[in-house]
Amino acid sequence: MPADSTTRALDGITVVSLAAHLPGPLAARQLMALGADIVKVEPPDGDPFAGYHQAWYDALVAGQQVIRLDLKNPATRPAFNALLAAADVFITSTRPSSLARLGLSWLTLHEQYPRLCQVAIVGSVSPNADRPGHDLTYQASAGLTDPPQMPAMLVADFAGAERAVSATLALVLARERGAGAGYAEVGLSQAASDFAEPARRGVTLPGAVFGGGVAGYNLYRASDGWIALGALESNSWSAIIADAGSAGDPVTTDGVSGTAAATRRALEAYFKGKTAASWEAWAVERGLPIVAVRAPGDRAG
């Protein structure tokens, strides 16, 4: 199957998005990458996210039709109604009670536009869909914050966006199979909670299997920085051990279990012998899972 065979998967599908901030626009961008036509409807003063980061906002809406409408003004509703009448999917991130006051509840929409599917991005799924919040509060409630350090990743927003894409695909597929148009809620707090499962299960805690307790799955200092080693498969681990052993290091083969301190010490000494870039190039040649650790703004060559 060609690598780009999904880029036209949603040809002929029109998505109207009323969702501001991040999760909705992130989802819309992904749906556009799958071939959907996106119409982004904003209030008269625009999406608030543009005021936080204009360049990122511009990247998110590139290639989309952006329309500003005051949905509280009856004079603008015919134009908005026409958009919905021509759409396949309606994405929202407004509280359901606010949508109802605008005459945009799911029941009302489904009666007026029986082919229109809706994906409602909410803080929490019903019956708590009106509860306010943002990525920080969802991560905090899921145990993903470490005060006073702010989160480095917007986990709830990005996870919620991907779930909104999945919900869109599922609703469109169900409709095309004859099930009719449907409604789906995507709870950002639930997404954050699900992404916290590794921590809840303890596998990412210090010293645990994915928390530094396994020699073959760890971070090591190179001569000029750090590398990440992900050798959980026996063939990768054996190849690294063989090379390290040939260099004269007293490396044993039980490092994947993380029980041999000697293995860890030997690897620490071994990886300090070259630069991080050299180790990455060496690994690429051999098909091994080693990369140089980069800052968020850096990209691999």
C-alpha atoms as a PDB file:
ATOM      1  CA  MET A   1       0.000   0.000   0.000  1.00  0.00           C
ATOM      2  CA  PRO A   2       1.452   3.421  -0.933  1.00  0.00           C
ATOM      3  CA  ALA A   3       2.589   5.495   2.030  1.00  0.00           C
ATOM      4  CA  ASP A   4       0.264   8.361   1.105  1.00  0.00           C
ATOM      5  CA  SER A   5      -2.836   6.269   0.448  1.00  0.00           C
ATOM      6  CA  THR A   6      -4.736   7.849   3.371  1.00  0.00           C
ATOM      7  CA  THR A   7      -4.323  11.430   2.209  1.00  0.00           C
ATOM      8  CA  ARG A   8      -7.529  11.239   0.171  1.00  0.00           C
ATOM      9  CA  ALA A   9      -9.469   8.970   2.515  1.00  0.00           C
ATOM     10  CA  LEU A  10     -11.902  11.762   3.435  1.00  0.00           C
ATOM     11  CA  ASP A  11     -12.314  13.247  -0.036  1.00  0.00           C
ATOM     12  CA  GLY A  12     -15.799  14.738  -0.295  1.00  0.00           C
ATOM     13  CA  ILE A  13     -16.228  15.026   3.477  1.00  0.00           C
ATOM     14  CA  THR A  14     -16.820  18.526   4.824  1.00  0.00           C
ATOM     15  CA  VAL A  15     -16.154  19.355   8.461  1.00  0.00           C
ATOM     16  CA  VAL A  16     -17.483  22.505  10.108  1.00  0.00           C
ATOM     17  CA  SER A  17     -15.551  23.267  13.276  1.00  0.00           C
ATOM     18  CA  LEU A  18     -16.727  25.637  15.971  1.00  0.00           C
ATOM     19  CA  ALA A  19     -13.894  24.470  18.247  1.00  0.00           C
ATOM     20  CA  ALA A  20     -11.418  27.076  19.458  1.00  0.00           C
ATOM     21  CA  HIS A  21      -8.124  26.854  21.375  1.00  0.00           C
ATOM     22  CA  LEU A  22      -6.122  23.671  20.648  1.00  0.00           C
ATOM     23  CA  PRO A  23      -7.864  20.262  20.602  1.00  0.00           C
ATOM     24  CA  GLY A  24     -10.417  21.119  17.911  1.00  0.00           C
ATOM     25  CA  PRO A  25      -7.970  22.851  15.546  1.00  0.00           C
ATOM     26  CA  LEU A  26      -5.457  20.031  16.038  1.00  0.00           C
ATOM     27  CA  ALA A  27      -8.125  17.495  15.105  1.00  0.00           C
ATOM     28  CA  ALA A  28      -9.261  19.572  12.138  1.00  0.00           C
ATOM     29  CA  ARG A  29      -5.700  19.790  10.828  1.00  0.00           C
ATOM     30  CA  GLN A  30      -5.392  16.007  10.985  1.00  0.00           C
ATOM     31  CA  LEU A  31      -8.723  15.503   9.256  1.00  0.00           C
ATOM     32  CA  MET A  32      -7.635  17.900   6.527  1.00  0.00           C
ATOM     33  CA  ALA A  33      -4.486  15.811   6.090  1.00  0.00           C
ATOM     34  CA  LEU A  34      -6.808  12.862   5.432  1.00  0.00           C
ATOM     35  CA  GLY A  35      -8.576  14.793   2.672  1.00  0.00           C
ATOM     36  CA  ALA A  36     -11.484  16.512   4.431  1.00  0.00           C
ATOM     37  CA  ASP A  37     -12.523  20.066   3.638  1.00  0.00           C
ATOM     38  CA  ILE A  38     -12.470  22.175   6.819  1.00  0.00           C
ATOM     39  CA  VAL A  39     -14.582  25.245   7.515  1.00  0.00           C
ATOM     40  CA  LYS A  40     -13.522  26.907  10.766  1.00  0.00           C
ATOM     41  CA  VAL A  41     -16.158  29.198  12.249  1.00  0.00           C
ATOM     42  CA  GLU A  42     -14.845  31.750  14.740  1.00  0.00           C
ATOM     43  CA  PRO A  43     -16.503  34.512  16.783  1.00  0.00           C
ATOM     44  CA  PRO A  44     -16.151  38.084  15.507  1.00  0.00           C
ATOM     45  CA  ASP A  45     -12.953  38.645  17.519  1.00  0.00           C
ATOM     46  CA  GLY A  46     -11.386  35.399  16.318  1.00  0.00           C
ATOM     47  CA  ASP A  47      -9.999  32.309  18.023  1.00  0.00           C
ATOM     48  CA  PRO A  48      -8.434  33.268  21.388  1.00  0.00           C
ATOM     49  CA  PHE A  49      -5.534  30.936  20.650  1.00  0.00           C
ATOM     50  CA  ALA A  50      -4.277  33.329  17.983  1.00  0.00           C
ATOM     51  CA  GLY A  51      -3.571  35.798  20.767  1.00  0.00           C
ATOM     52  CA  TYR A  52      -1.472  33.242  22.632  1.00  0.00           C
ATOM     53  CA  HIS A  53       0.644  32.078  19.687  1.00  0.00           C
ATOM     54  CA  GLN A  54      -0.085  33.622  16.306  1.00  0.00           C
ATOM     55  CA  ALA A  55       2.457  31.570  14.352  1.00  0.00           C
ATOM     56  CA  TRP A  56       1.101  28.281  15.682  1.00  0.00           C
ATOM     57  CA  TYR A  57      -2.475  29.381  15.033  1.00  0.00           C
ATOM     58  CA  ASP A  58      -1.548  30.249  11.436  1.00  0.00           C
ATOM     59  CA  ALA A  59      -0.004  26.802  10.984  1.00  0.00           C
ATOM     60  CA  LEU A  60      -3.078  25.092  12.402  1.00  0.00           C
ATOM     61  CA  VAL A  61      -5.558  26.810  10.081  1.00  0.00           C
ATOM     62  CA  ALA A  62      -3.437  26.816   6.925  1.00  0.00           C
ATOM     63  CA  GLY A  63      -5.481  25.484   4.021  1.00  0.00           C
ATOM     64  CA  GLN A  64      -8.783  25.841   5.854  1.00  0.00           C
ATOM     65  CA  GLN A  65     -11.665  28.213   5.198  1.00  0.00           C
ATOM     66  CA  VAL A  66     -11.938  30.525   8.208  1.00  0.00           C
ATOM     67  CA  ILE A  67     -15.209  32.415   8.654  1.00  0.00           C
ATOM     68  CA  ARG A  68     -16.113  34.791  11.466  1.00  0.00           C
ATOM     69  CA  LEU A  69     -19.743  34.818  12.518  1.00  0.00           C
ATOM     70  CA  ASP A  70     -21.628  36.094  15.538  1.00  0.00           C
ATOM     71  CA  LEU A  71     -23.890  33.143  16.291  1.00  0.00           C
ATOM     72  CA  LYS A  72     -25.802  35.220  18.844  1.00  0.00           C
ATOM     73  CA  ASN A  73     -26.914  37.545  16.062  1.00  0.00           C
ATOM     74  CA  PRO A  74     -30.018  36.175  14.294  1.00  0.00           C
ATOM     75  CA  ALA A  75     -28.966  37.900  11.085  1.00  0.00           C
ATOM     76  CA  THR A  76     -25.911  35.650  10.754  1.00  0.00           C
ATOM     77  CA  ARG A  77     -27.649  32.355  11.460  1.00  0.00           C
ATOM     78  CA  PRO A  78     -28.810  31.673   7.883  1.00  0.00           C
ATOM     79  CA  ALA A  79     -25.183  31.690   6.733  1.00  0.00           C
ATOM     80  CA  PHE A  80     -24.183  29.332   9.538  1.00  0.00           C
ATOM     81  CA  ASN A  81     -27.165  27.087   8.906  1.00  0.00           C
ATOM     82  CA  ALA A  82     -26.136  26.816   5.275  1.00  0.00           C
ATOM     83  CA  LEU A  83     -22.703  25.632   6.354  1.00  0.00           C
ATOM     84  CA  LEU A  84     -24.199  22.929   8.558  1.00  0.00           C
ATOM     85  CA  ALA A  85     -26.610  21.840   5.830  1.00  0.00           C
ATOM     86  CA  ALA A  86     -23.669  21.162   3.527  1.00  0.00           C
ATOM     87  CA  ALA A  87     -21.459  19.526   6.172  1.00  0.00           C
ATOM     88  CA  ASP A  88     -20.883  15.918   7.158  1.00  0.00           C
ATOM     89  CA  VAL A  89     -19.334  16.546  10.578  1.00  0.00           C
ATOM     90  CA  PHE A  90     -19.692  19.304  13.156  1.00  0.00           C
ATOM     91  CA  ILE A  91     -16.894  19.641  15.728  1.00  0.00           C
ATOM     92  CA  THR A  92     -17.491  21.690  18.873  1.00  0.00           C
ATOM     93  CA  SER A  93     -15.574  22.460  22.051  1.00  0.00           C
ATOM     94  CA  THR A  94     -18.252  24.632  23.652  1.00  0.00           C
ATOM     95  CA  ARG A  95     -20.106  23.519  26.757  1.00  0.00           C
ATOM     96  CA  PRO A  96     -23.302  21.637  25.805  1.00  0.00           C
ATOM     97  CA  SER A  97     -25.424  24.044  27.831  1.00  0.00           C
ATOM     98  CA  SER A  98     -24.031  26.983  25.855  1.00  0.00           C
ATOM     99  CA  LEU A  99     -24.679  25.193  22.576  1.00  0.00           C
ATOM    100  CA  ALA A 100     -28.252  24.514  23.675  1.00  0.00           C
ATOM    101  CA  ARG A 101     -28.811  28.208  24.360  1.00  0.00           C
ATOM    102  CA  LEU A 102     -27.679  28.871  20.787  1.00  0.00           C
ATOM    103  CA  GLY A 103     -30.132  26.307  19.463  1.00  0.00           C
ATOM    104  CA  LEU A 104     -27.261  23.938  18.626  1.00  0.00           C
ATOM    105  CA  SER A 105     -27.955  20.997  20.901  1.00  0.00           C
ATOM    106  CA  TRP A 106     -27.442  17.571  19.372  1.00  0.00           C
ATOM    107  CA  LEU A 107     -31.162  16.793  19.369  1.00  0.00           C
ATOM    108  CA  THR A 108     -31.979  20.047  17.604  1.00  0.00           C
ATOM    109  CA  LEU A 109     -29.189  19.634  15.072  1.00  0.00           C
ATOM    110  CA  HIS A 110     -30.046  16.012  14.360  1.00  0.00           C
ATOM    111  CA  GLU A 111     -33.651  16.926  13.653  1.00  0.00           C
ATOM    112  CA  GLN A 112     -32.658  19.735  11.288  1.00  0.00           C
ATOM    113  CA  TYR A 113     -29.673  18.026   9.643  1.00  0.00           C
ATOM    114  CA  PRO A 114     -30.208  14.247   9.802  1.00  0.00           C
ATOM    115  CA  ARG A 115     -26.943  13.463   7.945  1.00  0.00           C
ATOM    116  CA  LEU A 116     -24.775  15.660  10.170  1.00  0.00           C
ATOM    117  CA  CYS A 117     -22.518  13.881  12.683  1.00  0.00           C
ATOM    118  CA  GLN A 118     -21.240  15.742  15.728  1.00  0.00           C
ATOM    119  CA  VAL A 119     -18.042  15.346  17.740  1.00  0.00           C
ATOM    120  CA  ALA A 120     -18.262  17.309  20.977  1.00  0.00           C
ATOM    121  CA  ILE A 121     -14.910  17.939  22.671  1.00  0.00           C
ATOM    122  CA  VAL A 122     -15.686  18.498  26.335  1.00  0.00           C
ATOM    123  CA  GLY A 123     -13.758  18.712  29.574  1.00  0.00           C
ATOM    124  CA  SER A 124     -15.402  15.570  30.932  1.00  0.00           C
ATOM    125  CA  VAL A 125     -17.971  13.307  29.355  1.00  0.00           C
ATOM    126  CA  SER A 126     -21.598  13.558  30.448  1.00  0.00           C
ATOM    127  CA  PRO A 127     -22.993  14.099  33.016  1.00  0.00           C
ATOM    128  CA  ASN A 128     -20.046  16.427  33.698  1.00  0.00           C
ATOM    129  CA  ALA A 129     -19.694  17.845  30.202  1.00  0.00           C
ATOM    130  CA  ASP A 130     -20.298  21.420  31.383  1.00  0.00           C
ATOM    131  CA  ARG A 131     -17.437  21.359  33.874  1.00  0.00           C
ATOM    132  CA  PRO A 132     -14.797  23.933  32.799  1.00  0.00           C
ATOM    133  CA  GLY A 133     -11.080  23.319  32.469  1.00  0.00           C
ATOM    134  CA  HIS A 134      -8.032  23.252  30.237  1.00  0.00           C
ATOM    135  CA  ASP A 135      -5.042  21.001  29.637  1.00  0.00           C
ATOM    136  CA  LEU A 136      -3.333  22.012  32.894  1.00  0.00           C
ATOM    137  CA  THR A 137      -6.329  21.185  35.066  1.00  0.00           C
ATOM    138  CA  TYR A 138      -6.898  17.863  33.298  1.00  0.00           C
ATOM    139  CA  GLN A 139      -3.263  16.854  33.722  1.00  0.00           C
ATOM    140  CA  ALA A 140      -3.302  17.934  37.358  1.00  0.00           C
ATOM    141  CA  SER A 141      -6.400  15.852  38.097  1.00  0.00           C
ATOM    142  CA  ALA A 142      -4.793  12.850  36.372  1.00  0.00           C
ATOM    143  CA  GLY A 143      -1.620  13.085  38.462  1.00  0.00           C
ATOM    144  CA  LEU A 144       0.585  14.152  35.560  1.00  0.00           C
ATOM    145  CA  THR A 145       1.935  17.367  37.095  1.00  0.00           C
ATOM    146  CA  ASP A 146       4.931  17.846  39.379  1.00  0.00           C
ATOM    147  CA  PRO A 147       4.511  21.288  41.015  1.00  0.00           C
ATOM    148  CA  PRO A 148       5.902  23.835  40.728  1.00  0.00           C
ATOM    149  CA  GLN A 149       7.135  22.611  37.340  1.00  0.00           C
ATOM    150  CA  MET A 150       4.603  23.223  34.576  1.00  0.00           C
ATOM    151  CA  PRO A 151       3.949  20.332  32.149  1.00  0.00           C
ATOM    152  CA  ALA A 152       6.262  20.210  29.152  1.00  0.00           C
ATOM    153  CA  MET A 153       3.612  18.579  26.964  1.00  0.00           C
ATOM    154  CA  LEU A 154      -0.059  19.422  26.391  1.00  0.00           C
ATOM    155  CA  VAL A 155      -1.104  15.818  26.894  1.00  0.00           C
ATOM    156  CA  ALA A 156      -4.861  16.291  27.247  1.00  0.00           C
ATOM    157  CA  ASP A 157      -5.126  18.605  24.239  1.00  0.00           C
ATOM    158  CA  PHE A 158      -3.136  16.370  21.892  1.00  0.00           C
ATOM    159  CA  ALA A 159      -4.656  13.123  23.138  1.00  0.00           C
ATOM    160  CA  GLY A 160      -8.111  14.662  22.905  1.00  0.00           C
ATOM    161  CA  ALA A 161      -7.450  15.815  19.353  1.00  0.00           C
ATOM    162  CA  GLU A 162      -6.462  12.319  18.261  1.00  0.00           C
ATOM    163  CA  ARG A 163      -9.583  10.903  19.908  1.00  0.00           C
ATOM    164  CA  ALA A 164     -11.693  13.490  18.133  1.00  0.00           C
ATOM    165  CA  VAL A 165     -10.201  12.315  14.834  1.00  0.00           C
ATOM    166  CA  SER A 166     -10.971   8.690  15.709  1.00  0.00           C
ATOM    167  CA  ALA A 167     -14.516   9.619  16.707  1.00  0.00           C
ATOM    168  CA  THR A 168     -15.000  11.488  13.429  1.00  0.00           C
ATOM    169  CA  LEU A 169     -13.813   8.523  11.386  1.00  0.00           C
ATOM    170  CA  ALA A 170     -16.026   6.127  13.349  1.00  0.00           C
ATOM    171  CA  LEU A 171     -19.123   8.313  12.962  1.00  0.00           C
ATOM    172  CA  VAL A 172     -18.623   8.810   9.236  1.00  0.00           C
ATOM    173  CA  LEU A 173     -17.997   5.098   8.700  1.00  0.00           C
ATOM    174  CA  ALA A 174     -21.089   4.155  10.694  1.00  0.00           C
ATOM    175  CA  ARG A 175     -23.203   6.627   8.744  1.00  0.00           C
ATOM    176  CA  GLU A 176     -21.931   5.343   5.421  1.00  0.00           C
ATOM    177  CA  ARG A 177     -22.764   1.794   6.527  1.00  0.00           C
ATOM    178  CA  GLY A 178     -26.357   2.803   7.124  1.00  0.00           C
ATOM    179  CA  ALA A 179     -26.378   3.455  10.866  1.00  0.00           C
ATOM    180  CA  GLY A 180     -27.323   7.108  10.419  1.00  0.00           C
ATOM    181  CA  ALA A 181     -25.590  10.198  11.742  1.00  0.00           C
ATOM    182  CA  GLY A 182     -24.337   9.990  15.303  1.00  0.00           C
ATOM    183  CA  TYR A 183     -22.959  11.976  18.213  1.00  0.00           C
ATOM    184  CA  ALA A 184     -19.767  11.382  20.193  1.00  0.00           C
ATOM    185  CA  GLU A 185     -18.271  13.107  23.210  1.00  0.00           C
ATOM    186  CA  VAL A 186     -14.514  13.305  23.661  1.00  0.00           C
ATOM    187  CA  GLY A 187     -13.561  14.024  27.256  1.00  0.00           C
ATOM    188  CA  LEU A 188     -10.190  15.717  27.688  1.00  0.00           C
ATOM    189  CA  SER A 189      -9.970  14.749  31.345  1.00  0.00           C
ATOM    190  CA  GLN A 190     -10.591  11.104  30.396  1.00  0.00           C
ATOM    191  CA  ALA A 191      -7.863  11.315  27.752  1.00  0.00           C
ATOM    192  CA  ALA A 192      -5.391  12.683  30.292  1.00  0.00           C
ATOM    193  CA  SER A 193      -6.363  10.002  32.786  1.00  0.00           C
ATOM    194  CA  ASP A 194      -5.829   7.244  30.240  1.00  0.00           C
ATOM    195  CA  PHE A 195      -2.428   8.655  29.312  1.00  0.00           C
ATOM    196  CA  ALA A 196      -1.490   8.523  33.008  1.00  0.00           C
ATOM    197  CA  GLU A 197      -1.880   4.734  33.069  1.00  0.00           C
ATOM    198  CA  PRO A 198       1.877   4.001  32.853  1.00  0.00           C
ATOM    199  CA  ALA A 199       2.442   6.094  35.981  1.00  0.00           C
ATOM    200  CA  ARG A 200      -0.518   4.510  37.773  1.00  0.00           C
ATOM    201  CA  ARG A 201       0.855   1.051  37.017  1.00  0.00           C
ATOM    202  CA  GLY A 202       4.263   2.140  38.258  1.00  0.00           C
ATOM    203  CA  VAL A 203       6.193   1.223  35.104  1.00  0.00           C
ATOM    204  CA  THR A 204       7.636   4.734  34.657  1.00  0.00           C
ATOM    205  CA  LEU A 205       8.546   5.360  38.297  1.00  0.00           C
ATOM    206  CA  PRO A 206      12.268   5.748  39.097  1.00  0.00           C
ATOM    207  CA  GLY A 207      13.901   2.339  38.919  1.00  0.00           C
ATOM    208  CA  ALA A 208      10.921   0.651  37.224  1.00  0.00           C
ATOM    209  CA  VAL A 209      11.092  -1.098  33.865  1.00  0.00           C
ATOM    210  CA  PHE A 210      10.539   2.126  31.891  1.00  0.00           C
ATOM    211  CA  GLY A 211      11.909   4.403  34.601  1.00  0.00           C
ATOM    212  CA  GLY A 212      15.611   3.602  34.360  1.00  0.00           C
ATOM    213  CA  GLY A 213      15.529   0.146  35.906  1.00  0.00           C
ATOM    214  CA  VAL A 214      16.506  -1.654  32.707  1.00  0.00           C
ATOM    215  CA  ALA A 215      20.000  -1.244  31.280  1.00  0.00           C
ATOM    216  CA  GLY A 216      18.775  -1.809  27.732  1.00  0.00           C
ATOM    217  CA  TYR A 217      16.117   0.895  28.018  1.00  0.00           C
ATOM    218  CA  ASN A 218      17.877   3.915  29.407  1.00  0.00           C
ATOM    219  CA  LEU A 219      19.652   7.214  28.915  1.00  0.00           C
ATOM    220  CA  TYR A 220      23.449   7.316  28.785  1.00  0.00           C
ATOM    221  CA  ARG A 221      25.997  10.099  28.630  1.00  0.00           C
ATOM    222  CA  ALA A 222      28.011  10.376  25.433  1.00  0.00           C
ATOM    223  CA  SER A 223      31.200  12.389  25.209  1.00  0.00           C
ATOM    224  CA  ASP A 224      29.240  15.552  24.393  1.00  0.00           C
ATOM    225  CA  GLY A 225      25.659  14.955  25.471  1.00  0.00           C
ATOM    226  CA  TRP A 226      23.215  12.105  25.964  1.00  0.00           C
ATOM    227  CA  ILE A 227      21.870   9.172  23.984  1.00  0.00           C
ATOM    228  CA  ALA A 228      18.676   7.148  24.388  1.00  0.00           C
ATOM    229  CA  LEU A 229      18.979   3.366  24.152  1.00  0.00           C
ATOM    230  CA  GLY A 230      15.829   1.317  23.532  1.00  0.00           C
ATOM    231  CA  ALA A 231      17.152  -2.231  23.214  1.00  0.00           C
ATOM    232  CA  LEU A 232      14.286  -4.285  24.626  1.00  0.00           C
ATOM    233  CA  GLU A 233      14.532  -6.940  21.892  1.00  0.00           C
ATOM    234  CA  SER A 234      17.140  -9.651  22.442  1.00  0.00           C
ATOM    235  CA  ASN A 235      18.721  -9.230  19.002  1.00  0.00           C
ATOM    236  CA  SER A 236      19.322  -5.500  19.530  1.00  0.00           C
ATOM    237  CA  TRP A 237      20.647  -6.056  23.023  1.00  0.00           C
ATOM    238  CA  SER A 238      22.940  -8.876  21.897  1.00  0.00           C
ATOM    239  CA  ALA A 239      24.412  -6.719  19.127  1.00  0.00           C
ATOM    240  CA  ILE A 240      25.187  -3.891  21.541  1.00  0.00           C
ATOM    241  CA  ILE A 241      26.628  -6.248  24.127  1.00  0.00           C
ATOM    242  CA  ALA A 242      28.799  -7.905  21.494  1.00  0.00           C
ATOM    243  CA  ASP A 243      30.223  -4.591  20.332  1.00  0.00           C
ATOM    244  CA  ALA A 244      30.767  -3.351  23.860  1.00  0.00           C
ATOM    245  CA  GLY A 245      32.429  -6.628  24.760  1.00  0.00           C
ATOM    246  CA  SER A 246      34.716  -6.456  21.775  1.00  0.00           C
ATOM    247  CA  ALA A 247      35.917  -3.112  23.076  1.00  0.00           C
ATOM    248  CA  GLY A 248      37.170  -4.845  26.184  1.00  0.00           C
ATOM    249  CA  ASP A 249      34.322  -3.905  28.546  1.00  0.00           C
ATOM    250  CA  PRO A 250      33.207  -6.565  31.073  1.00  0.00           C
ATOM    251  CA  VAL A 251      29.617  -6.671  29.843  1.00  0.00           C
ATOM    252  CA  THR A 252      27.302  -9.554  30.675  1.00  0.00           C
ATOM    253  CA  THR A 253      24.124 -10.479  28.816  1.00  0.00           C
ATOM    254  CA  ASP A 254      21.639 -10.024  31.667  1.00  0.00           C
ATOM    255  CA  GLY A 255      21.341  -6.270  31.277  1.00  0.00           C
ATOM    256  CA  VAL A 256      17.822  -6.397  29.829  1.00  0.00           C
ATOM    257  CA  SER A 257      16.587  -7.542  33.218  1.00  0.00           C
ATOM    258  CA  GLY A 258      18.321  -4.593  34.833  1.00  0.00           C
ATOM    259  CA  THR A 259      19.822  -6.802  37.551  1.00  0.00           C
ATOM    260  CA  ALA A 260      23.510  -6.405  36.747  1.00  0.00           C
ATOM    261  CA  ALA A 261      25.079  -3.232  38.084  1.00  0.00           C
ATOM    262  CA  ALA A 262      28.281  -4.208  36.310  1.00  0.00           C
ATOM    263  CA  THR A 263      26.458  -4.138  33.000  1.00  0.00           C
ATOM    264  CA  ARG A 264      25.168  -0.661  33.669  1.00  0.00           C
ATOM    265  CA  ARG A 265      28.581   0.646  34.677  1.00  0.00           C
ATOM    266  CA  ALA A 266      30.209  -0.938  31.641  1.00  0.00           C
ATOM    267  CA  LEU A 267      27.690   0.640  29.288  1.00  0.00           C
ATOM    268  CA  GLU A 268      28.118   4.017  30.954  1.00  0.00           C
ATOM    269  CA  ALA A 269      31.844   3.859  30.283  1.00  0.00           C
ATOM    270  CA  TYR A 270      31.312   2.464  26.790  1.00  0.00           C
ATOM    271  CA  PHE A 271      28.956   5.200  25.567  1.00  0.00           C
ATOM    272  CA  LYS A 272      31.161   7.995  26.886  1.00  0.00           C
ATOM    273  CA  GLY A 273      33.717   7.049  24.246  1.00  0.00           C
ATOM    274  CA  LYS A 274      31.950   8.756  21.318  1.00  0.00           C
ATOM    275  CA  THR A 275      29.760  11.768  20.596  1.00  0.00           C
ATOM    276  CA  ALA A 276      25.991  11.394  20.614  1.00  0.00           C
ATOM    277  CA  ALA A 277      25.863  12.022  16.858  1.00  0.00           C
ATOM    278  CA  SER A 278      28.487   9.339  16.274  1.00  0.00           C
ATOM    279  CA  TRP A 279      26.506   6.811  18.273  1.00  0.00           C
ATOM    280  CA  GLU A 280      23.358   7.621  16.334  1.00  0.00           C
ATOM    281  CA  ALA A 281      25.132   7.217  13.000  1.00  0.00           C
ATOM    282  CA  TRP A 282      26.678   3.966  14.223  1.00  0.00           C
ATOM    283  CA  ALA A 283      23.253   2.678  15.251  1.00  0.00           C
ATOM    284  CA  VAL A 284      21.622   3.629  11.942  1.00  0.00           C
ATOM    285  CA  GLU A 285      24.214   1.609  10.054  1.00  0.00           C
ATOM    286  CA  ARG A 286      23.449  -1.448  12.195  1.00  0.00           C
ATOM    287  CA  GLY A 287      19.701  -1.014  12.576  1.00  0.00           C
ATOM    288  CA  LEU A 288      19.932  -0.490  16.327  1.00  0.00           C
ATOM    289  CA  PRO A 289      17.612   1.668  18.512  1.00  0.00           C
ATOM    290  CA  ILE A 290      19.971   4.453  19.629  1.00  0.00           C
ATOM    291  CA  VAL A 291      19.373   8.173  19.068  1.00  0.00           C
ATOM    292  CA  ALA A 292      20.948  11.369  20.275  1.00  0.00           C
ATOM    293  CA  VAL A 293      18.873  13.188  22.887  1.00  0.00           C
ATOM    294  CA  ARG A 294      17.674  16.485  21.433  1.00  0.00           C
ATOM    295  CA  ALA A 295      16.020  19.602  22.777  1.00  0.00           C
ATOM    296  CA  PRO A 296      12.358  20.082  21.741  1.00  0.00           C
ATOM    297  CA  GLY A 297      13.279  22.601  19.054  1.00  0.00           C
ATOM    298  CA  ASP A 298      15.939  20.404  17.467  1.00  0.00           C
ATOM    299  CA  ARG A 299      15.251  17.998  14.632  1.00  0.00           C
ATOM    300  CA  ALA A 300      17.045  14.886  13.534  1.00  0.00           C
ATOM    301  CA  GLY A 301      19.161  15.334  10.424  1.00  0.00           C
END
